[in-house]
Amino acid sequence: MNSAVIDIETTSLAAVGSGIILCVCVRPAETGRTRTFRLDQYDFNKSEKFGLVEREETQLLKDVLEEISKYNVLIGHNLTNFDVPYLKSRAFQRELRFFPITVYDTLKAFRRTGYLTVPNGYGKPSGGMDMVADFLNVRQLKTKIYPQSWWDSVWGNKVKRIEALNDIVDHCQRDVILNYKIFPYLWSADPSPALKKVY
């Protein structure tokens, strides 16, 4: 199975309005080496024809879509409810062609195992990646990003934008590595491993 773990970081949970993609990390299962796409690696001269980061996000998306097209299966935590729909929505907003993707969602896999972690706010076992890693005794890599970093990553001065995006990229890279490490445990414990095609 030619697969890769993926994670994205965005300015907002909504893929419209102020929601843009800041960072995408892709870690192929075969190499275990993360490829990182970050918004500030794309630098276009200002133009009245284009909106703020319009060309940067469009190029980032083009590169990400080209990268993920190389894999038969994408692995991610909450991939079917967030990452893939977000990529699909932003691609539509940027007038880019999206394609069906086969995924293995480690959040859903954890829920299928029936393992119990600490209760979440609804009294159910928390399926957050940090809690899953803790349960599986996988070394914790999870970090937190606070609202100021999300704000500064777009609206701060040049120094603040770089610092904030560095924190966000580090967070994304850690998430993709952590998911890469918990995946084998979940795949082997999953009572009905499910690959799902997302359109």
Foldseek 3Di string as FASTA:
>chain_A
DWEWEKDWDWLDQDLDDRTATAKMWIQTLVPRDIDIQGLVVDDDDDDPVDDQSLVSRQVSLVVVQVVLVVGQEYEYACCQPGVVVSSVSNCVVNVHDDDKHKYFHLLVLVVQLVDAFDADPVRGHDSPLQRLCVVVVHDDQADDQDNVLSCQCRPNPPVSVVVSSVVVRSNRVSRRSSSSVCVVVSVVSRPDGDIDIHD
